[in-house]
C-alpha atoms as a PDB file:
ATOM      1  CA  MET A   1      24.291  39.986  36.533  1.00  0.00           C
ATOM      2  CA  GLN A   2      25.833  38.428  33.445  1.00  0.00           C
ATOM      3  CA  LYS A   3      29.048  40.358  34.108  1.00  0.00           C
ATOM      4  CA  LYS A   4      29.216  38.973  37.668  1.00  0.00           C
ATOM      5  CA  ILE A   5      28.710  35.429  36.395  1.00  0.00           C
ATOM      6  CA  SER A   6      31.428  35.920  33.764  1.00  0.00           C
ATOM      7  CA  ILE A   7      33.876  37.166  36.386  1.00  0.00           C
ATOM      8  CA  SER A   8      33.024  34.209  38.621  1.00  0.00           C
ATOM      9  CA  VAL A   9      33.549  31.740  35.774  1.00  0.00           C
ATOM     10  CA  LEU A  10      36.804  33.435  34.788  1.00  0.00           C
ATOM     11  CA  SER A  11      38.067  33.280  38.381  1.00  0.00           C
ATOM     12  CA  THR A  12      37.265  29.566  38.556  1.00  0.00           C
ATOM     13  CA  VAL A  13      39.079  28.931  35.275  1.00  0.00           C
ATOM     14  CA  LEU A  14      42.130  30.887  36.433  1.00  0.00           C
ATOM     15  CA  VAL A  15      42.248  28.977  39.718  1.00  0.00           C
ATOM     16  CA  SER A  16      41.971  25.684  37.813  1.00  0.00           C
ATOM     17  CA  LEU A  17      44.817  26.663  35.492  1.00  0.00           C
ATOM     18  CA  VAL A  18      47.097  27.733  38.317  1.00  0.00           C
ATOM     19  CA  MET A  19      46.211  24.604  40.292  1.00  0.00           C
ATOM     20  CA  SER A  20      47.172  22.490  37.271  1.00  0.00           C
ATOM     21  CA  LEU A  21      50.528  24.266  37.163  1.00  0.00           C
ATOM     22  CA  ARG A  22      50.964  23.763  40.897  1.00  0.00           C
ATOM     23  CA  LEU A  23      50.178  20.057  40.605  1.00  0.00           C
ATOM     24  CA  ALA A  24      52.872  19.799  37.952  1.00  0.00           C
ATOM     25  CA  GLN A  25      55.425  21.653  40.085  1.00  0.00           C
ATOM     26  CA  GLY A  26      54.699  20.584  43.648  1.00  0.00           C
ATOM     27  CA  ILE A  27      55.144  17.251  45.392  1.00  0.00           C
ATOM     28  CA  GLN A  28      52.342  15.001  46.576  1.00  0.00           C
ATOM     29  CA  LEU A  29      52.177  13.085  49.827  1.00  0.00           C
ATOM     30  CA  ASP A  30      53.246   9.447  49.961  1.00  0.00           C
ATOM     31  CA  GLU A  31      53.109   6.630  52.495  1.00  0.00           C
ATOM     32  CA  HIS A  32      56.512   7.629  53.893  1.00  0.00           C
ATOM     33  CA  THR A  33      55.278  11.026  55.105  1.00  0.00           C
ATOM     34  CA  VAL A  34      54.580  10.438  58.803  1.00  0.00           C
ATOM     35  CA  ALA A  35      53.821  14.093  59.619  1.00  0.00           C
ATOM     36  CA  LEU A  36      53.296  17.269  57.580  1.00  0.00           C
ATOM     37  CA  TYR A  37      52.512  20.695  59.014  1.00  0.00           C
ATOM     38  CA  LEU A  38      51.438  23.372  56.524  1.00  0.00           C
ATOM     39  CA  PHE A  39      50.191  25.863  59.157  1.00  0.00           C
ATOM     40  CA  ASP A  40      47.404  27.072  56.876  1.00  0.00           C
ATOM     41  CA  GLU A  41      44.738  27.005  59.613  1.00  0.00           C
ATOM     42  CA  LYS A  42      45.728  30.583  60.573  1.00  0.00           C
ATOM     43  CA  LYS A  43      43.848  30.422  63.869  1.00  0.00           C
ATOM     44  CA  GLY A  44      43.296  28.296  66.958  1.00  0.00           C
ATOM     45  CA  LYS A  45      45.530  26.465  69.424  1.00  0.00           C
ATOM     46  CA  GLU A  46      45.853  23.226  67.461  1.00  0.00           C
ATOM     47  CA  VAL A  47      48.253  22.489  64.605  1.00  0.00           C
ATOM     48  CA  MET A  48      46.938  19.941  62.126  1.00  0.00           C
ATOM     49  CA  ASP A  49      48.969  17.109  60.626  1.00  0.00           C
ATOM     50  CA  SER A  50      48.166  16.803  56.912  1.00  0.00           C
ATOM     51  CA  SER A  51      49.428  13.211  56.679  1.00  0.00           C
ATOM     52  CA  LEU A  52      47.147  10.263  57.406  1.00  0.00           C
ATOM     53  CA  ASN A  53      48.758   9.658  60.818  1.00  0.00           C
ATOM     54  CA  GLU A  54      46.921  12.349  62.791  1.00  0.00           C
ATOM     55  CA  ASN A  55      50.036  13.583  64.564  1.00  0.00           C
ATOM     56  CA  HIS A  56      48.309  16.832  65.494  1.00  0.00           C
ATOM     57  CA  GLY A  57      49.980  19.254  67.886  1.00  0.00           C
ATOM     58  CA  LYS A  58      48.966  21.891  70.409  1.00  0.00           C
ATOM     59  CA  ILE A  59      50.356  25.401  70.713  1.00  0.00           C
ATOM     60  CA  VAL A  60      52.038  26.235  74.022  1.00  0.00           C
ATOM     61  CA  GLY A  61      52.872  29.824  74.959  1.00  0.00           C
ATOM     62  CA  LYS A  62      53.106  32.846  72.680  1.00  0.00           C
ATOM     63  CA  VAL A  63      53.056  31.351  69.198  1.00  0.00           C
ATOM     64  CA  GLU A  64      51.293  33.438  66.566  1.00  0.00           C
ATOM     65  CA  TRP A  65      49.773  32.624  63.201  1.00  0.00           C
ATOM     66  CA  SER A  66      51.529  34.513  60.419  1.00  0.00           C
ATOM     67  CA  GLU A  67      52.045  34.726  56.675  1.00  0.00           C
ATOM     68  CA  GLY A  68      54.629  32.196  55.590  1.00  0.00           C
ATOM     69  CA  LYS A  69      56.660  31.017  52.650  1.00  0.00           C
ATOM     70  CA  PHE A  70      53.494  29.335  51.379  1.00  0.00           C
ATOM     71  CA  ASP A  71      50.298  30.877  52.763  1.00  0.00           C
ATOM     72  CA  GLY A  72      50.248  30.400  56.570  1.00  0.00           C
ATOM     73  CA  ALA A  73      53.118  29.865  59.010  1.00  0.00           C
ATOM     74  CA  LEU A  74      53.796  29.879  62.736  1.00  0.00           C
ATOM     75  CA  SER A  75      55.807  32.658  64.375  1.00  0.00           C
ATOM     76  CA  PHE A  76      57.731  31.770  67.556  1.00  0.00           C
ATOM     77  CA  SER A  77      58.708  34.466  70.051  1.00  0.00           C
ATOM     78  CA  GLY A  78      62.015  33.028  71.268  1.00  0.00           C
ATOM     79  CA  GLY A  79      60.617  32.549  74.770  1.00  0.00           C
ATOM     80  CA  ASN A  80      58.650  29.692  76.275  1.00  0.00           C
ATOM     81  CA  ALA A  81      56.624  29.146  73.092  1.00  0.00           C
ATOM     82  CA  PHE A  82      56.433  26.003  70.960  1.00  0.00           C
ATOM     83  CA  VAL A  83      54.207  23.279  69.493  1.00  0.00           C
ATOM     84  CA  GLU A  84      53.944  19.941  71.314  1.00  0.00           C
ATOM     85  CA  ILE A  85      53.023  16.751  69.447  1.00  0.00           C
ATOM     86  CA  PRO A  86      52.285  13.554  71.407  1.00  0.00           C
ATOM     87  CA  SER A  87      54.511  10.546  70.870  1.00  0.00           C
ATOM     88  CA  SER A  88      53.151   7.939  68.459  1.00  0.00           C
ATOM     89  CA  ASP A  89      54.258   4.753  66.730  1.00  0.00           C
ATOM     90  CA  SER A  90      54.586   6.585  63.414  1.00  0.00           C
ATOM     91  CA  LEU A  91      56.969   9.149  64.946  1.00  0.00           C
ATOM     92  CA  ASP A  92      59.177   6.397  66.427  1.00  0.00           C
ATOM     93  CA  ILE A  93      61.382   6.227  63.337  1.00  0.00           C
ATOM     94  CA  THR A  94      64.283   3.753  63.420  1.00  0.00           C
ATOM     95  CA  ASP A  95      65.556   2.823  59.928  1.00  0.00           C
ATOM     96  CA  ALA A  96      65.529   5.931  57.726  1.00  0.00           C
ATOM     97  CA  LEU A  97      64.721   9.563  58.461  1.00  0.00           C
ATOM     98  CA  THR A  98      64.230  12.840  56.621  1.00  0.00           C
ATOM     99  CA  ILE A  99      63.204  16.119  58.264  1.00  0.00           C
ATOM    100  CA  GLU A 100      62.428  19.157  56.102  1.00  0.00           C
ATOM    101  CA  MET A 101      61.191  22.673  56.799  1.00  0.00           C
ATOM    102  CA  TRP A 102      61.149  26.273  55.691  1.00  0.00           C
ATOM    103  CA  LEU A 103      62.824  28.453  58.324  1.00  0.00           C
ATOM    104  CA  TYR A 104      62.903  32.218  58.869  1.00  0.00           C
ATOM    105  CA  LEU A 105      65.265  33.224  61.672  1.00  0.00           C
ATOM    106  CA  ARG A 106      64.999  36.540  63.467  1.00  0.00           C
ATOM    107  CA  ASN A 107      67.793  35.699  65.920  1.00  0.00           C
ATOM    108  CA  TYR A 108      70.115  32.735  66.415  1.00  0.00           C
ATOM    109  CA  SER A 109      69.275  30.156  69.069  1.00  0.00           C
ATOM    110  CA  THR A 110      71.070  30.023  72.400  1.00  0.00           C
ATOM    111  CA  ALA A 111      71.763  26.314  71.837  1.00  0.00           C
ATOM    112  CA  GLY A 112      70.783  23.975  68.996  1.00  0.00           C
ATOM    113  CA  GLY A 113      67.987  22.172  67.212  1.00  0.00           C
ATOM    114  CA  THR A 114      64.981  24.447  67.641  1.00  0.00           C
ATOM    115  CA  GLY A 115      63.185  23.348  64.472  1.00  0.00           C
ATOM    116  CA  VAL A 116      61.963  19.767  65.026  1.00  0.00           C
ATOM    117  CA  THR A 117      63.001  17.923  68.196  1.00  0.00           C
ATOM    118  CA  LYS A 118      62.199  14.478  69.590  1.00  0.00           C
ATOM    119  CA  GLU A 119      64.664  14.797  72.448  1.00  0.00           C
ATOM    120  CA  THR A 120      67.365  12.086  72.581  1.00  0.00           C
ATOM    121  CA  SER A 121      65.988  10.502  69.404  1.00  0.00           C
ATOM    122  CA  TYR A 122      66.283  13.068  66.567  1.00  0.00           C
ATOM    123  CA  LYS A 123      66.342  16.810  65.938  1.00  0.00           C
ATOM    124  CA  LEU A 124      67.001  19.360  63.197  1.00  0.00           C
ATOM    125  CA  GLY A 125      67.276  23.117  63.460  1.00  0.00           C
ATOM    126  CA  PRO A 126      69.485  26.190  63.837  1.00  0.00           C
ATOM    127  CA  ARG A 127      72.331  26.297  66.335  1.00  0.00           C
ATOM    128  CA  ASN A 128      73.936  29.146  68.276  1.00  0.00           C
ATOM    129  CA  ASP A 129      76.993  29.120  65.954  1.00  0.00           C
ATOM    130  CA  LYS A 130      74.706  30.041  63.006  1.00  0.00           C
ATOM    131  CA  LYS A 131      74.836  26.510  61.540  1.00  0.00           C
ATOM    132  CA  ILE A 132      72.164  23.850  60.985  1.00  0.00           C
ATOM    133  CA  VAL A 133      72.523  20.940  63.391  1.00  0.00           C
ATOM    134  CA  PHE A 134      71.120  17.451  62.721  1.00  0.00           C
ATOM    135  CA  ARG A 135      71.336  15.058  65.665  1.00  0.00           C
ATOM    136  CA  ILE A 136      70.154  11.533  66.474  1.00  0.00           C
ATOM    137  CA  THR A 137      70.693   8.788  69.023  1.00  0.00           C
ATOM    138  CA  SER A 138      71.746   5.554  67.344  1.00  0.00           C
ATOM    139  CA  GLU A 139      72.314   2.056  68.697  1.00  0.00           C
ATOM    140  CA  ASN A 140      76.058   2.660  68.440  1.00  0.00           C
ATOM    141  CA  GLN A 141      76.440   6.360  69.208  1.00  0.00           C
ATOM    142  CA  ALA A 142      75.029   8.495  71.991  1.00  0.00           C
ATOM    143  CA  TRP A 143      72.998  11.689  71.607  1.00  0.00           C
ATOM    144  CA  ALA A 144      75.958  13.944  72.418  1.00  0.00           C
ATOM    145  CA  GLN A 145      78.197  12.455  69.698  1.00  0.00           C
ATOM    146  CA  ALA A 146      75.784  11.517  66.892  1.00  0.00           C
ATOM    147  CA  PHE A 147      75.376  14.787  65.003  1.00  0.00           C
ATOM    148  CA  ILE A 148      76.537  16.771  61.989  1.00  0.00           C
ATOM    149  CA  ALA A 149      76.352  20.477  61.156  1.00  0.00           C
ATOM    150  CA  SER A 150      76.108  22.557  58.011  1.00  0.00           C
ATOM    151  CA  LYS A 151      79.155  24.267  56.540  1.00  0.00           C
ATOM    152  CA  THR A 152      77.220  27.426  55.722  1.00  0.00           C
ATOM    153  CA  ASP A 153      75.778  29.980  58.135  1.00  0.00           C
ATOM    154  CA  ILE A 154      72.001  30.496  57.996  1.00  0.00           C
ATOM    155  CA  PRO A 155      71.308  34.167  57.220  1.00  0.00           C
ATOM    156  CA  LEU A 156      68.870  36.036  59.442  1.00  0.00           C
ATOM    157  CA  LYS A 157      65.553  37.491  58.293  1.00  0.00           C
ATOM    158  CA  GLU A 158      65.304  35.411  55.112  1.00  0.00           C
ATOM    159  CA  TRP A 159      63.366  32.272  54.254  1.00  0.00           C
ATOM    160  CA  HIS A 160      65.609  29.225  53.821  1.00  0.00           C
ATOM    161  CA  HIS A 161      64.809  25.551  53.337  1.00  0.00           C
ATOM    162  CA  ILE A 162      66.705  23.102  55.555  1.00  0.00           C
ATOM    163  CA  ALA A 163      66.668  19.304  55.607  1.00  0.00           C
ATOM    164  CA  GLY A 164      68.441  16.407  57.293  1.00  0.00           C
ATOM    165  CA  THR A 165      68.602  12.747  56.225  1.00  0.00           C
ATOM    166  CA  TYR A 166      69.923   9.577  57.850  1.00  0.00           C
ATOM    167  CA  ASP A 167      70.196   6.135  56.239  1.00  0.00           C
ATOM    168  CA  THR A 168      70.899   3.304  58.688  1.00  0.00           C
ATOM    169  CA  LYS A 169      71.978   0.932  55.895  1.00  0.00           C
ATOM    170  CA  SER A 170      74.794   3.132  54.605  1.00  0.00           C
ATOM    171  CA  GLY A 171      75.318   5.137  57.793  1.00  0.00           C
ATOM    172  CA  GLU A 172      75.193   8.339  55.749  1.00  0.00           C
ATOM    173  CA  MET A 173      73.940  11.462  57.500  1.00  0.00           C
ATOM    174  CA  LYS A 174      73.406  14.634  55.443  1.00  0.00           C
ATOM    175  CA  VAL A 175      72.310  18.238  55.902  1.00  0.00           C
ATOM    176  CA  TYR A 176      70.801  20.300  53.079  1.00  0.00           C
ATOM    177  CA  LEU A 177      70.466  24.073  52.795  1.00  0.00           C
ATOM    178  CA  ASP A 178      68.137  25.371  50.075  1.00  0.00           C
ATOM    179  CA  GLY A 179      68.209  22.015  48.300  1.00  0.00           C
ATOM    180  CA  GLU A 180      71.998  21.633  48.220  1.00  0.00           C
ATOM    181  CA  GLU A 181      74.016  19.226  50.365  1.00  0.00           C
ATOM    182  CA  ASP A 182      75.877  21.336  52.932  1.00  0.00           C
ATOM    183  CA  GLY A 183      77.263  18.848  55.446  1.00  0.00           C
ATOM    184  CA  ASP A 184      77.664  15.095  55.898  1.00  0.00           C
ATOM    185  CA  GLY A 185      78.994  12.414  58.191  1.00  0.00           C
ATOM    186  CA  LYS A 186      79.022   8.687  58.905  1.00  0.00           C
ATOM    187  CA  LEU A 187      77.216   6.992  61.782  1.00  0.00           C
ATOM    188  CA  LYS A 188      76.266   3.433  62.668  1.00  0.00           C
ATOM    189  CA  GLY A 189      73.121   1.757  63.895  1.00  0.00           C
ATOM    190  CA  LYS A 190      69.401   2.327  63.909  1.00  0.00           C
ATOM    191  CA  ILE A 191      67.785   5.375  65.469  1.00  0.00           C
ATOM    192  CA  VAL A 192      66.726   4.701  69.056  1.00  0.00           C
ATOM    193  CA  PRO A 193      63.012   5.480  69.582  1.00  0.00           C
ATOM    194  CA  ASN A 194      61.564   6.776  72.840  1.00  0.00           C
ATOM    195  CA  ALA A 195      58.341   8.034  74.392  1.00  0.00           C
ATOM    196  CA  SER A 196      59.291  11.731  74.163  1.00  0.00           C
ATOM    197  CA  VAL A 197      56.923  14.212  72.578  1.00  0.00           C
ATOM    198  CA  VAL A 198      57.937  16.009  69.382  1.00  0.00           C
ATOM    199  CA  TRP A 199      58.480  19.751  69.620  1.00  0.00           C
ATOM    200  CA  LEU A 200      58.328  22.350  66.887  1.00  0.00           C
ATOM    201  CA  GLY A 201      60.155  25.560  67.704  1.00  0.00           C
ATOM    202  CA  ARG A 202      62.206  24.375  70.669  1.00  0.00           C
ATOM    203  CA  GLY A 203      64.883  22.018  71.927  1.00  0.00           C
ATOM    204  CA  ALA A 204      65.472  20.828  75.492  1.00  0.00           C
ATOM    205  CA  SER A 205      65.847  24.432  76.692  1.00  0.00           C
ATOM    206  CA  PRO A 206      66.423  26.822  73.755  1.00  0.00           C
ATOM    207  CA  PHE A 207      63.466  28.262  71.869  1.00  0.00           C
ATOM    208  CA  LEU A 208      63.100  29.444  68.283  1.00  0.00           C
ATOM    209  CA  ASP A 209      62.949  33.157  67.506  1.00  0.00           C
ATOM    210  CA  GLY A 210      61.553  32.989  63.995  1.00  0.00           C
ATOM    211  CA  LEU A 211      59.007  31.302  61.742  1.00  0.00           C
ATOM    212  CA  LEU A 212      58.406  27.759  60.501  1.00  0.00           C
ATOM    213  CA  ASP A 213      56.490  26.627  57.434  1.00  0.00           C
ATOM    214  CA  GLU A 214      55.861  23.312  55.620  1.00  0.00           C
ATOM    215  CA  VAL A 215      57.511  21.004  58.160  1.00  0.00           C
ATOM    216  CA  ARG A 216      57.667  17.355  57.069  1.00  0.00           C
ATOM    217  CA  ILE A 217      58.960  14.246  58.834  1.00  0.00           C
ATOM    218  CA  SER A 218      59.460  11.098  56.721  1.00  0.00           C
ATOM    219  CA  ASN A 219      60.501   7.521  57.446  1.00  0.00           C
ATOM    220  CA  VAL A 220      62.562   7.307  54.252  1.00  0.00           C
ATOM    221  CA  VAL A 221      65.726   8.966  52.971  1.00  0.00           C
ATOM    222  CA  ARG A 222      64.678  11.721  50.563  1.00  0.00           C
ATOM    223  CA  GLU A 223      67.159  12.237  47.758  1.00  0.00           C
ATOM    224  CA  LYS A 224      68.352  15.672  46.651  1.00  0.00           C
ATOM    225  CA  ALA A 225      65.864  15.810  43.759  1.00  0.00           C
ATOM    226  CA  GLU A 226      62.951  15.054  46.117  1.00  0.00           C
ATOM    227  CA  ILE A 227      64.061  17.709  48.576  1.00  0.00           C
ATOM    228  CA  LYS A 228      64.322  20.284  45.793  1.00  0.00           C
ATOM    229  CA  LYS A 229      60.840  19.365  44.610  1.00  0.00           C
ATOM    230  CA  SER A 230      59.346  19.633  48.086  1.00  0.00           C
ATOM    231  CA  MET A 231      60.667  23.205  48.199  1.00  0.00           C
ATOM    232  CA  LEU A 232      57.984  24.023  45.600  1.00  0.00           C
ATOM    233  CA  GLY A 233      55.216  23.134  48.056  1.00  0.00           C
ATOM    234  CA  PHE A 234      52.842  20.240  48.613  1.00  0.00           C
ATOM    235  CA  THR A 235      49.827  19.190  46.559  1.00  0.00           C
ATOM    236  CA  PHE A 236      46.773  17.091  47.339  1.00  0.00           C
ATOM    237  CA  SER A 237      44.381  15.044  45.231  1.00  0.00           C
ATOM    238  CA  VAL A 238      41.613  16.646  47.301  1.00  0.00           C
ATOM    239  CA  PRO A 239      42.271  20.212  48.548  1.00  0.00           C
ATOM    240  CA  LEU A 240      43.213  20.025  52.214  1.00  0.00           C
ATOM    241  CA  PHE A 241      40.552  22.441  53.440  1.00  0.00           C
ATOM    242  CA  ASN A 242      38.192  21.744  50.538  1.00  0.00           C
ATOM    243  CA  THR A 243      37.558  25.437  49.990  1.00  0.00           C
ATOM    244  CA  LEU A 244      38.366  27.676  47.069  1.00  0.00           C
ATOM    245  CA  SER A 245      39.606  30.439  49.366  1.00  0.00           C
ATOM    246  CA  ALA A 246      42.154  28.203  51.099  1.00  0.00           C
ATOM    247  CA  THR A 247      43.349  26.799  47.782  1.00  0.00           C
ATOM    248  CA  TRP A 248      43.590  30.287  46.295  1.00  0.00           C
ATOM    249  CA  GLY A 249      45.525  31.473  49.349  1.00  0.00           C
ATOM    250  CA  ARG A 250      48.216  28.849  48.813  1.00  0.00           C
ATOM    251  CA  ILE A 251      48.350  29.628  45.086  1.00  0.00           C
ATOM    252  CA  LYS A 252      48.836  33.374  45.644  1.00  0.00           C
ATOM    253  CA  SER A 253      51.774  32.755  47.970  1.00  0.00           C
ATOM    254  CA  ARG A 254      53.784  30.979  45.245  1.00  0.00           C
END
């Protein structure tokens, strides 16, 4: 009995120590995070938003729960399978935008932007030419013209972190691959909002054949240092699922 108690106490201490390390390494949520999807539920047909905005989504088609870069992830079949998130005021971003995600590609898309898409407003994801595409509609430039792409191809069957940022004040639009700037361009005007839903894992017609993990949408321009830090994972003052097992699951995946 005493041995069991000692093991239990030791386990708790170890978890506390690793959590302290994780808190030092990871990044915490802020008021600019309008949506964050960790995919740690590992079951069900609903995807929970870990921000305070309740931008929860529903799974459509053959999307499976899987192991991810950090604990859970979603696996998309490449067919008619995606996550749909209702439009909301918080997702109607106009002045500054950052989209981040971990991406594991099994095959390249038939078109572009199958990571995060709010059609004719903003999107970020892989394209059929093996690049990352980041696209918006601005007050001065239409959807078809207002985009940039990465310089580097995204390798298949590996986890990679991708991000896109747009600053309406400077007009700077940037793409990041694994924390390094990998493409840029200049645009003008604010992002044009609309009533479209947000999709994870699809664009207007193409669908993602791969996995997504730790998807975040922000209404601020994240700098390179912030993007690198978010690659270490997200932390919470109160554990998201308030259970030792869920916390331990995210620790083990790091």
